[in-house]
Amino acid sequence: MRLGLVALAFAVVACSDAGAADRGDMDVGVGRGSKACRDWQDAICDYASDRCSMFPREACDQQYQGASCKSDAVASRCAAQLDASRCGRAPETCVLDVVGDPGPAARACDALFDTFCDRSMACGLSTSKEACLADPAVQSIDCGKAIAYRLDYEECIQQTETLDCELLLLPQICDDVIVLRD
């Protein structure tokens, strides 16, 4: 059984100087979490991708838009700090491992495996959910290390629920859908 779920979580520690766009005028609607969390998601990618060219913007957005935040206060403070930071001077307190709330991502990771194992049982390939969840391929992903889950997660779940029983593999859309800490 192949489970291609792992995404490399990169730690953003980078750059910027001149003016970030005024978030009050922006429609920051894409992403998980509250508006303050989405503002932080946008700020960190503005900083790392747009101003400092550390990562392609699309890759940054895919990772950070899938994060939930621990609190609106922390997210708002970090968005402002990132807007004012110069390249190479990002506040370490504003990176994903600090601002992000891993709980929702861990639950999403567990739910993906549950969905996969439900399908495996429906196809007659697993004798029980427990046996499926104990499979080494499933055990190779530590959902306790999940920090975010990409915005295409819901489509991954839908496709997993209808997998072809002849070749029970997670759909390609599920590759890297769960972002794990290093």
N, C-alpha and C. Protein backbone atom coordinates (compact mmCIF):
# COMPACT_ATOMS: atom_id res chain seq x y z
N MET A 1 0.85 -1.17 0.00
CA MET A 1 0.00 0.00 0.00
C MET A 1 0.90 1.23 0.00
N ARG A 2 0.68 2.15 -0.92
CA ARG A 2 1.49 3.35 -1.04
C ARG A 2 0.72 4.54 -0.46
N LEU A 3 1.35 5.27 0.41
CA LEU A 3 0.72 6.45 0.97
C LEU A 3 1.66 7.63 0.77
N GLY A 4 1.41 8.43 -0.23
CA GLY A 4 2.27 9.57 -0.51
C GLY A 4 1.70 10.82 0.10
N LEU A 5 1.95 11.07 1.36
CA LEU A 5 1.33 12.19 2.04
C LEU A 5 2.30 13.26 2.50
N VAL A 6 3.55 12.95 2.57
CA VAL A 6 4.46 13.80 3.29
C VAL A 6 4.85 15.04 2.48
N ALA A 7 4.74 16.17 3.10
CA ALA A 7 5.22 17.42 2.50
C ALA A 7 6.36 17.93 3.37
N LEU A 8 7.38 18.39 2.73
CA LEU A 8 8.47 18.96 3.50
C LEU A 8 8.04 20.31 4.01
N ALA A 9 8.09 20.47 5.31
CA ALA A 9 7.74 21.75 5.91
C ALA A 9 9.01 22.56 6.00
N PHE A 10 9.04 23.66 5.27
CA PHE A 10 10.24 24.47 5.32
C PHE A 10 10.06 25.58 6.34
N ALA A 11 11.11 25.89 7.03
CA ALA A 11 11.07 26.95 8.03
C ALA A 11 11.47 28.24 7.36
N VAL A 12 10.59 29.18 7.38
CA VAL A 12 10.86 30.46 6.75
C VAL A 12 11.63 31.34 7.71
N VAL A 13 12.82 31.69 7.31
CA VAL A 13 13.64 32.61 8.08
C VAL A 13 14.28 33.52 7.06
N ALA A 14 13.58 34.57 6.62
CA ALA A 14 14.15 35.31 5.51
C ALA A 14 13.91 36.78 5.50
N CYS A 15 13.43 37.33 4.42
CA CYS A 15 13.75 38.68 4.05
C CYS A 15 12.64 39.62 3.73
N SER A 16 12.97 40.92 3.66
CA SER A 16 12.18 41.95 3.03
C SER A 16 12.61 43.30 3.48
N ASP A 17 12.26 44.25 2.66
CA ASP A 17 12.33 45.58 3.16
C ASP A 17 11.11 46.34 2.73
N ALA A 18 11.10 46.97 1.63
CA ALA A 18 10.06 47.93 1.29
C ALA A 18 8.66 47.36 1.35
N GLY A 19 7.76 48.28 1.64
CA GLY A 19 6.36 48.17 1.93
C GLY A 19 5.54 47.00 1.45
N ALA A 20 5.01 46.30 2.39
CA ALA A 20 4.01 45.28 2.08
C ALA A 20 2.70 45.98 1.78
N ALA A 21 1.88 45.32 0.99
CA ALA A 21 0.56 45.89 0.68
C ALA A 21 -0.25 46.04 1.96
N ASP A 22 -1.07 47.05 2.00
CA ASP A 22 -1.93 47.27 3.15
C ASP A 22 -2.97 46.17 3.23
N ARG A 23 -2.91 45.34 4.27
CA ARG A 23 -3.81 44.22 4.39
C ARG A 23 -5.25 44.65 4.60
N GLY A 24 -5.48 45.83 5.13
CA GLY A 24 -6.83 46.30 5.33
C GLY A 24 -7.59 46.42 4.02
N ASP A 25 -6.90 46.67 2.92
CA ASP A 25 -7.54 46.83 1.62
C ASP A 25 -7.53 45.54 0.81
N MET A 26 -6.90 44.50 1.32
CA MET A 26 -6.78 43.26 0.56
C MET A 26 -7.91 42.31 0.91
N ASP A 27 -8.27 41.48 -0.04
CA ASP A 27 -9.21 40.40 0.23
C ASP A 27 -8.38 39.16 0.54
N VAL A 28 -8.18 38.93 1.82
CA VAL A 28 -7.40 37.78 2.25
C VAL A 28 -8.40 36.68 2.59
N GLY A 29 -8.98 36.09 1.56
CA GLY A 29 -10.03 35.12 1.78
C GLY A 29 -9.59 33.69 1.61
N VAL A 30 -8.42 33.47 1.05
CA VAL A 30 -7.97 32.11 0.78
C VAL A 30 -7.09 31.65 1.94
N GLY A 31 -7.45 30.53 2.51
CA GLY A 31 -6.65 29.99 3.59
C GLY A 31 -7.54 29.48 4.71
N ARG A 32 -6.93 28.73 5.61
CA ARG A 32 -7.67 28.19 6.75
C ARG A 32 -7.58 29.19 7.90
N GLY A 33 -8.54 29.12 8.76
CA GLY A 33 -8.50 29.94 9.96
C GLY A 33 -9.19 31.28 9.81
N SER A 34 -9.01 32.10 10.82
CA SER A 34 -9.65 33.41 10.91
C SER A 34 -9.00 34.39 9.93
N LYS A 35 -9.58 35.58 9.82
CA LYS A 35 -9.01 36.61 8.97
C LYS A 35 -7.60 36.97 9.46
N ALA A 36 -7.41 37.07 10.77
CA ALA A 36 -6.09 37.39 11.31
C ALA A 36 -5.08 36.31 10.92
N CYS A 37 -5.51 35.06 10.93
CA CYS A 37 -4.63 33.96 10.54
C CYS A 37 -4.30 34.04 9.05
N ARG A 38 -5.31 34.32 8.24
CA ARG A 38 -5.08 34.46 6.80
C ARG A 38 -4.18 35.66 6.49
N ASP A 39 -4.30 36.73 7.29
CA ASP A 39 -3.39 37.88 7.13
C ASP A 39 -1.95 37.46 7.39
N TRP A 40 -1.74 36.65 8.44
CA TRP A 40 -0.38 36.16 8.75
C TRP A 40 0.11 35.25 7.62
N GLN A 41 -0.75 34.36 7.13
CA GLN A 41 -0.37 33.48 6.02
C GLN A 41 0.11 34.30 4.83
N ASP A 42 -0.62 35.35 4.53
CA ASP A 42 -0.24 36.22 3.41
C ASP A 42 1.05 36.98 3.71
N ALA A 43 1.18 37.46 4.94
CA ALA A 43 2.37 38.23 5.33
C ALA A 43 3.64 37.39 5.24
N ILE A 44 3.57 36.15 5.69
CA ILE A 44 4.78 35.33 5.67
C ILE A 44 5.19 35.00 4.24
N CYS A 45 4.21 34.82 3.36
CA CYS A 45 4.55 34.55 1.96
C CYS A 45 4.95 35.82 1.21
N ASP A 46 4.37 36.96 1.59
CA ASP A 46 4.86 38.24 1.04
C ASP A 46 6.33 38.40 1.38
N TYR A 47 6.66 38.11 2.63
CA TYR A 47 8.02 38.26 3.13
C TYR A 47 8.97 37.27 2.46
N ALA A 48 8.65 35.99 2.54
CA ALA A 48 9.57 34.95 2.07
C ALA A 48 9.63 34.83 0.56
N SER A 49 8.52 35.05 -0.10
CA SER A 49 8.47 34.82 -1.55
C SER A 49 8.57 36.11 -2.35
N ASP A 50 7.68 37.04 -2.07
CA ASP A 50 7.61 38.24 -2.89
C ASP A 50 8.79 39.18 -2.68
N ARG A 51 9.16 39.41 -1.43
CA ARG A 51 10.22 40.38 -1.16
C ARG A 51 11.60 39.74 -1.12
N CYS A 52 11.69 38.52 -0.65
CA CYS A 52 13.01 37.92 -0.44
C CYS A 52 13.35 36.81 -1.41
N SER A 53 12.40 36.39 -2.21
CA SER A 53 12.62 35.38 -3.24
C SER A 53 13.25 34.10 -2.69
N MET A 54 12.83 33.72 -1.50
CA MET A 54 13.36 32.49 -0.89
C MET A 54 12.69 31.25 -1.46
N PHE A 55 11.41 31.34 -1.76
CA PHE A 55 10.61 30.22 -2.23
C PHE A 55 9.65 30.73 -3.28
N PRO A 56 9.25 29.87 -4.21
CA PRO A 56 8.21 30.28 -5.15
C PRO A 56 6.92 30.60 -4.37
N ARG A 57 6.21 31.63 -4.78
CA ARG A 57 5.01 32.06 -4.07
C ARG A 57 3.98 30.93 -3.99
N GLU A 58 3.79 30.20 -5.07
CA GLU A 58 2.79 29.14 -5.07
C GLU A 58 3.10 28.08 -4.01
N ALA A 59 4.36 27.70 -3.88
CA ALA A 59 4.75 26.71 -2.88
C ALA A 59 4.52 27.24 -1.47
N CYS A 60 4.86 28.50 -1.26
CA CYS A 60 4.65 29.12 0.04
C CYS A 60 3.16 29.15 0.38
N ASP A 61 2.36 29.62 -0.56
CA ASP A 61 0.91 29.68 -0.32
C ASP A 61 0.33 28.30 -0.04
N GLN A 62 0.75 27.28 -0.79
CA GLN A 62 0.22 25.93 -0.58
C GLN A 62 0.48 25.46 0.84
N GLN A 63 1.64 25.78 1.37
CA GLN A 63 1.97 25.34 2.72
C GLN A 63 1.28 26.19 3.77
N TYR A 64 1.44 27.48 3.70
CA TYR A 64 0.97 28.34 4.78
C TYR A 64 -0.54 28.54 4.78
N GLN A 65 -1.19 28.53 3.63
CA GLN A 65 -2.64 28.70 3.63
C GLN A 65 -3.34 27.52 4.29
N GLY A 66 -2.65 26.43 4.46
CA GLY A 66 -3.22 25.26 5.11
C GLY A 66 -3.02 25.23 6.61
N ALA A 67 -2.42 26.28 7.16
CA ALA A 67 -2.15 26.32 8.60
C ALA A 67 -3.29 27.02 9.34
N SER A 68 -3.59 26.52 10.51
CA SER A 68 -4.48 27.21 11.44
C SER A 68 -3.57 27.90 12.45
N CYS A 69 -4.03 28.97 13.03
CA CYS A 69 -3.20 29.74 13.97
C CYS A 69 -3.62 29.48 15.41
N LYS A 70 -2.65 29.58 16.30
CA LYS A 70 -2.91 29.38 17.72
C LYS A 70 -3.81 30.48 18.28
N SER A 71 -3.60 31.72 17.81
CA SER A 71 -4.44 32.82 18.28
C SER A 71 -4.41 33.97 17.29
N ASP A 72 -5.49 34.73 17.27
CA ASP A 72 -5.56 35.91 16.40
C ASP A 72 -4.54 36.96 16.83
N ALA A 73 -4.33 37.09 18.12
CA ALA A 73 -3.39 38.10 18.62
C ALA A 73 -1.97 37.81 18.13
N VAL A 74 -1.55 36.56 18.24
CA VAL A 74 -0.21 36.19 17.79
C VAL A 74 -0.10 36.36 16.27
N ALA A 75 -1.12 35.93 15.55
CA ALA A 75 -1.11 36.04 14.09
C ALA A 75 -1.04 37.51 13.66
N SER A 76 -1.83 38.37 14.26
CA SER A 76 -1.83 39.79 13.91
C SER A 76 -0.50 40.45 14.23
N ARG A 77 0.04 40.15 15.40
CA ARG A 77 1.34 40.71 15.78
C ARG A 77 2.42 40.29 14.79
N CYS A 78 2.40 39.03 14.42
CA CYS A 78 3.43 38.53 13.50
C CYS A 78 3.26 39.11 12.10
N ALA A 79 2.03 39.27 11.64
CA ALA A 79 1.81 39.87 10.32
C ALA A 79 2.42 41.26 10.29
N ALA A 80 2.22 42.04 11.33
CA ALA A 80 2.79 43.40 11.40
C ALA A 80 4.31 43.34 11.47
N GLN A 81 4.85 42.42 12.26
CA GLN A 81 6.30 42.29 12.37
C GLN A 81 6.92 41.87 11.04
N LEU A 82 6.29 40.96 10.35
CA LEU A 82 6.81 40.50 9.06
C LEU A 82 6.79 41.63 8.04
N ASP A 83 5.73 42.44 8.07
CA ASP A 83 5.64 43.58 7.15
C ASP A 83 6.80 44.56 7.37
N ALA A 84 7.26 44.67 8.61
CA ALA A 84 8.31 45.62 8.94
C ALA A 84 9.72 45.02 8.91
N SER A 85 9.82 43.72 8.67
CA SER A 85 11.12 43.04 8.72
C SER A 85 11.87 43.16 7.41
N ARG A 86 13.19 43.23 7.55
CA ARG A 86 14.06 43.22 6.38
C ARG A 86 14.49 41.79 6.09
N CYS A 87 14.91 41.57 4.86
CA CYS A 87 15.38 40.23 4.48
C CYS A 87 16.46 39.77 5.45
N GLY A 88 16.36 38.51 5.84
CA GLY A 88 17.33 37.93 6.76
C GLY A 88 17.05 38.26 8.21
N ARG A 89 15.99 38.99 8.46
CA ARG A 89 15.69 39.42 9.83
C ARG A 89 14.25 39.07 10.25
N ALA A 90 13.74 37.95 9.78
CA ALA A 90 12.39 37.54 10.16
C ALA A 90 12.36 37.16 11.63
N PRO A 91 11.34 37.60 12.34
CA PRO A 91 11.21 37.21 13.75
C PRO A 91 11.02 35.69 13.86
N GLU A 92 11.84 35.05 14.64
CA GLU A 92 11.72 33.60 14.81
C GLU A 92 10.41 33.22 15.47
N THR A 93 9.79 34.16 16.15
CA THR A 93 8.50 33.89 16.80
C THR A 93 7.34 33.93 15.82
N CYS A 94 7.61 34.17 14.55
CA CYS A 94 6.54 34.29 13.55
C CYS A 94 6.53 33.18 12.51
N VAL A 95 7.30 32.12 12.72
CA VAL A 95 7.35 31.01 11.77
C VAL A 95 6.23 30.02 12.07
N LEU A 96 6.00 29.13 11.16
CA LEU A 96 4.89 28.18 11.22
C LEU A 96 4.84 27.38 12.52
N ASP A 97 5.97 26.86 12.96
CA ASP A 97 5.97 26.04 14.18
C ASP A 97 5.55 26.83 15.41
N VAL A 98 5.71 28.13 15.40
CA VAL A 98 5.37 28.95 16.56
C VAL A 98 3.94 29.48 16.45
N VAL A 99 3.55 29.98 15.31
CA VAL A 99 2.23 30.59 15.13
C VAL A 99 1.16 29.54 14.86
N GLY A 100 1.53 28.49 14.14
CA GLY A 100 0.56 27.49 13.73
C GLY A 100 0.05 26.62 14.87
N ASP A 101 -1.23 26.28 14.80
CA ASP A 101 -1.87 25.36 15.73
C ASP A 101 -1.88 23.99 15.06
N PRO A 102 -1.11 23.03 15.55
CA PRO A 102 -1.02 21.73 14.89
C PRO A 102 -2.25 20.84 15.07
N GLY A 103 -3.12 21.16 16.00
CA GLY A 103 -4.28 20.31 16.29
C GLY A 103 -5.15 20.00 15.08
N PRO A 104 -5.62 21.02 14.35
CA PRO A 104 -6.46 20.74 13.19
C PRO A 104 -5.74 19.89 12.13
N ALA A 105 -4.47 20.12 11.92
CA ALA A 105 -3.71 19.35 10.92
C ALA A 105 -3.56 17.89 11.36
N ALA A 106 -3.30 17.67 12.63
CA ALA A 106 -3.18 16.30 13.13
C ALA A 106 -4.50 15.55 12.98
N ARG A 107 -5.60 16.24 13.28
CA ARG A 107 -6.92 15.60 13.12
C ARG A 107 -7.22 15.32 11.65
N ALA A 108 -6.82 16.24 10.76
CA ALA A 108 -7.03 16.02 9.32
C ALA A 108 -6.21 14.82 8.84
N CYS A 109 -4.99 14.70 9.33
CA CYS A 109 -4.13 13.58 8.97
C CYS A 109 -4.77 12.26 9.43
N ASP A 110 -5.21 12.22 10.68
CA ASP A 110 -5.87 11.01 11.19
C ASP A 110 -7.12 10.69 10.37
N ALA A 111 -7.89 11.72 10.01
CA ALA A 111 -9.13 11.51 9.24
C ALA A 111 -8.82 10.96 7.85
N LEU A 112 -7.72 11.39 7.26
CA LEU A 112 -7.35 10.87 5.95
C LEU A 112 -7.06 9.37 6.04
N PHE A 113 -6.31 8.96 7.05
CA PHE A 113 -6.02 7.54 7.22
C PHE A 113 -7.30 6.75 7.54
N ASP A 114 -8.17 7.34 8.36
CA ASP A 114 -9.45 6.68 8.65
C ASP A 114 -10.25 6.47 7.36
N THR A 115 -10.30 7.50 6.53
CA THR A 115 -11.04 7.42 5.26
C THR A 115 -10.43 6.36 4.36
N PHE A 116 -9.10 6.35 4.28
CA PHE A 116 -8.43 5.35 3.46
C PHE A 116 -8.74 3.94 3.97
N CYS A 117 -8.67 3.75 5.28
CA CYS A 117 -8.91 2.42 5.86
C CYS A 117 -10.38 2.02 5.72
N ASP A 118 -11.29 2.99 5.82
CA ASP A 118 -12.70 2.68 5.57
C ASP A 118 -12.88 2.15 4.15
N ARG A 119 -12.20 2.78 3.20
CA ARG A 119 -12.30 2.34 1.81
C ARG A 119 -11.66 0.96 1.63
N SER A 120 -10.54 0.75 2.29
CA SER A 120 -9.86 -0.55 2.23
C SER A 120 -10.77 -1.66 2.76
N MET A 121 -11.48 -1.36 3.83
CA MET A 121 -12.42 -2.35 4.39
C MET A 121 -13.59 -2.57 3.44
N ALA A 122 -14.13 -1.50 2.87
CA ALA A 122 -15.25 -1.63 1.93
C ALA A 122 -14.85 -2.44 0.70
N CYS A 123 -13.59 -2.36 0.33
CA CYS A 123 -13.09 -3.12 -0.82
C CYS A 123 -12.73 -4.56 -0.44
N GLY A 124 -12.78 -4.88 0.84
CA GLY A 124 -12.45 -6.22 1.29
C GLY A 124 -10.96 -6.47 1.37
N LEU A 125 -10.17 -5.42 1.40
CA LEU A 125 -8.71 -5.57 1.44
C LEU A 125 -8.16 -5.53 2.86
N SER A 126 -8.94 -5.05 3.79
CA SER A 126 -8.54 -5.03 5.20
C SER A 126 -9.62 -5.74 6.00
N THR A 127 -9.19 -6.48 7.01
CA THR A 127 -10.15 -7.20 7.84
C THR A 127 -10.79 -6.31 8.89
N SER A 128 -10.07 -5.26 9.29
CA SER A 128 -10.60 -4.32 10.27
C SER A 128 -9.88 -2.97 10.11
N LYS A 129 -10.51 -1.95 10.65
CA LYS A 129 -9.88 -0.63 10.61
C LYS A 129 -8.57 -0.65 11.41
N GLU A 130 -8.58 -1.34 12.53
CA GLU A 130 -7.39 -1.43 13.37
C GLU A 130 -6.23 -2.08 12.61
N ALA A 131 -6.53 -3.15 11.88
CA ALA A 131 -5.49 -3.83 11.09
C ALA A 131 -4.95 -2.89 10.01
N CYS A 132 -5.83 -2.18 9.36
CA CYS A 132 -5.39 -1.24 8.33
C CYS A 132 -4.53 -0.14 8.94
N LEU A 133 -4.99 0.45 10.03
CA LEU A 133 -4.23 1.53 10.67
C LEU A 133 -2.90 1.05 11.23
N ALA A 134 -2.77 -0.25 11.50
CA ALA A 134 -1.52 -0.81 12.00
C ALA A 134 -0.54 -1.15 10.88
N ASP A 135 -1.00 -1.06 9.62
CA ASP A 135 -0.14 -1.38 8.48
C ASP A 135 1.09 -0.47 8.50
N PRO A 136 2.28 -1.01 8.23
CA PRO A 136 3.51 -0.20 8.24
C PRO A 136 3.46 1.02 7.32
N ALA A 137 2.77 0.93 6.21
CA ALA A 137 2.67 2.08 5.31
C ALA A 137 1.90 3.22 5.97
N VAL A 138 0.86 2.87 6.69
CA VAL A 138 0.08 3.89 7.41
C VAL A 138 0.89 4.40 8.59
N GLN A 139 1.54 3.51 9.30
CA GLN A 139 2.32 3.89 10.48
C GLN A 139 3.55 4.74 10.13
N SER A 140 3.96 4.73 8.86
CA SER A 140 5.16 5.47 8.48
C SER A 140 4.94 6.99 8.51
N ILE A 141 3.71 7.43 8.55
CA ILE A 141 3.40 8.86 8.64
C ILE A 141 2.99 9.15 10.07
N ASP A 142 3.70 10.06 10.71
CA ASP A 142 3.42 10.44 12.09
C ASP A 142 2.53 11.68 12.09
N CYS A 143 1.23 11.46 12.29
CA CYS A 143 0.29 12.58 12.28
C CYS A 143 0.55 13.56 13.42
N GLY A 144 1.30 13.14 14.42
CA GLY A 144 1.70 14.04 15.49
C GLY A 144 2.66 15.13 15.02
N LYS A 145 3.24 14.94 13.84
CA LYS A 145 4.14 15.95 13.28
C LYS A 145 3.43 16.88 12.29
N ALA A 146 2.13 16.67 12.08
CA ALA A 146 1.38 17.51 11.14
C ALA A 146 1.28 18.93 11.69
N ILE A 147 1.50 19.90 10.83
CA ILE A 147 1.41 21.31 11.22
C ILE A 147 0.41 22.07 10.35
N ALA A 148 0.09 21.54 9.17
CA ALA A 148 -0.88 22.18 8.27
C ALA A 148 -1.42 21.13 7.31
N TYR A 149 -2.52 21.45 6.68
CA TYR A 149 -3.04 20.59 5.62
C TYR A 149 -3.54 21.49 4.50
N ARG A 150 -3.06 21.17 3.31
CA ARG A 150 -3.27 22.02 2.15
C ARG A 150 -4.74 22.17 1.81
N LEU A 151 -5.03 23.20 1.04
CA LEU A 151 -6.41 23.52 0.70
C LEU A 151 -7.07 22.49 -0.20
N ASP A 152 -6.30 21.62 -0.84
CA ASP A 152 -6.91 20.57 -1.66
C ASP A 152 -7.20 19.30 -0.85
N TYR A 153 -7.09 19.39 0.46
CA TYR A 153 -7.34 18.26 1.35
C TYR A 153 -8.76 17.71 1.17
N GLU A 154 -9.75 18.57 1.12
CA GLU A 154 -11.13 18.11 1.00
C GLU A 154 -11.36 17.33 -0.29
N GLU A 155 -10.74 17.76 -1.37
CA GLU A 155 -10.82 17.02 -2.64
C GLU A 155 -10.11 15.66 -2.50
N CYS A 156 -9.01 15.64 -1.79
CA CYS A 156 -8.29 14.39 -1.52
C CYS A 156 -9.20 13.41 -0.79
N ILE A 157 -9.91 13.88 0.22
CA ILE A 157 -10.82 13.02 0.98
C ILE A 157 -11.92 12.48 0.07
N GLN A 158 -12.51 13.35 -0.74
CA GLN A 158 -13.58 12.91 -1.64
C GLN A 158 -13.09 11.84 -2.60
N GLN A 159 -11.91 12.03 -3.16
CA GLN A 159 -11.38 11.04 -4.09
C GLN A 159 -11.01 9.74 -3.37
N THR A 160 -10.55 9.83 -2.14
CA THR A 160 -10.18 8.64 -1.36
C THR A 160 -11.41 7.80 -1.06
N GLU A 161 -12.53 8.45 -0.82
CA GLU A 161 -13.77 7.73 -0.52
C GLU A 161 -14.26 6.87 -1.68
N THR A 162 -13.81 7.16 -2.89
CA THR A 162 -14.29 6.42 -4.06
C THR A 162 -13.16 5.73 -4.82
N LEU A 163 -12.08 5.41 -4.12
CA LEU A 163 -10.94 4.75 -4.76
C LEU A 163 -11.35 3.45 -5.45
N ASP A 164 -10.68 3.16 -6.54
CA ASP A 164 -10.86 1.91 -7.27
C ASP A 164 -10.30 0.77 -6.41
N CYS A 165 -11.10 -0.20 -6.14
CA CYS A 165 -10.69 -1.32 -5.28
C CYS A 165 -9.61 -2.19 -5.91
N GLU A 166 -9.47 -2.15 -7.22
CA GLU A 166 -8.45 -2.96 -7.90
C GLU A 166 -7.04 -2.46 -7.61
N LEU A 167 -6.91 -1.16 -7.43
CA LEU A 167 -5.59 -0.55 -7.18
C LEU A 167 -5.78 0.49 -6.10
N LEU A 168 -5.78 0.05 -4.87
CA LEU A 168 -6.09 0.92 -3.74
C LEU A 168 -4.86 1.75 -3.36
N LEU A 169 -4.72 2.87 -4.03
CA LEU A 169 -3.65 3.82 -3.76
C LEU A 169 -4.27 5.18 -3.51
N LEU A 170 -3.66 5.94 -2.63
CA LEU A 170 -4.17 7.29 -2.44
C LEU A 170 -4.09 8.06 -3.76
N PRO A 171 -5.08 8.87 -4.04
CA PRO A 171 -5.06 9.66 -5.27
C PRO A 171 -3.87 10.61 -5.29
N GLN A 172 -3.44 10.97 -6.48
CA GLN A 172 -2.30 11.87 -6.62
C GLN A 172 -2.52 13.19 -5.89
N ILE A 173 -3.74 13.68 -5.86
CA ILE A 173 -4.02 14.94 -5.20
C ILE A 173 -3.67 14.88 -3.71
N CYS A 174 -3.59 13.68 -3.16
CA CYS A 174 -3.26 13.51 -1.75
C CYS A 174 -1.76 13.58 -1.47
N ASP A 175 -0.94 13.50 -2.52
CA ASP A 175 0.50 13.61 -2.32
C ASP A 175 0.80 14.96 -1.69
N ASP A 176 1.50 14.96 -0.61
CA ASP A 176 1.94 16.18 0.07
C ASP A 176 0.80 17.02 0.62
N VAL A 177 -0.39 16.43 0.81
CA VAL A 177 -1.53 17.21 1.30
C VAL A 177 -1.39 17.53 2.79
N ILE A 178 -0.66 16.71 3.52
CA ILE A 178 -0.40 16.96 4.94
C ILE A 178 1.02 17.52 5.06
N VAL A 179 1.15 18.67 5.69
CA VAL A 179 2.45 19.30 5.89
C VAL A 179 2.96 18.88 7.26
N LEU A 180 4.14 18.26 7.27
CA LEU A 180 4.74 17.75 8.50
C LEU A 180 5.94 18.60 8.91
N ARG A 181 6.14 18.72 10.21
CA ARG A 181 7.35 19.35 10.73
C ARG A 181 8.53 18.43 10.44
N ASP A 182 9.68 19.02 10.31
CA ASP A 182 10.91 18.22 10.13
C ASP A 182 11.19 17.40 11.36
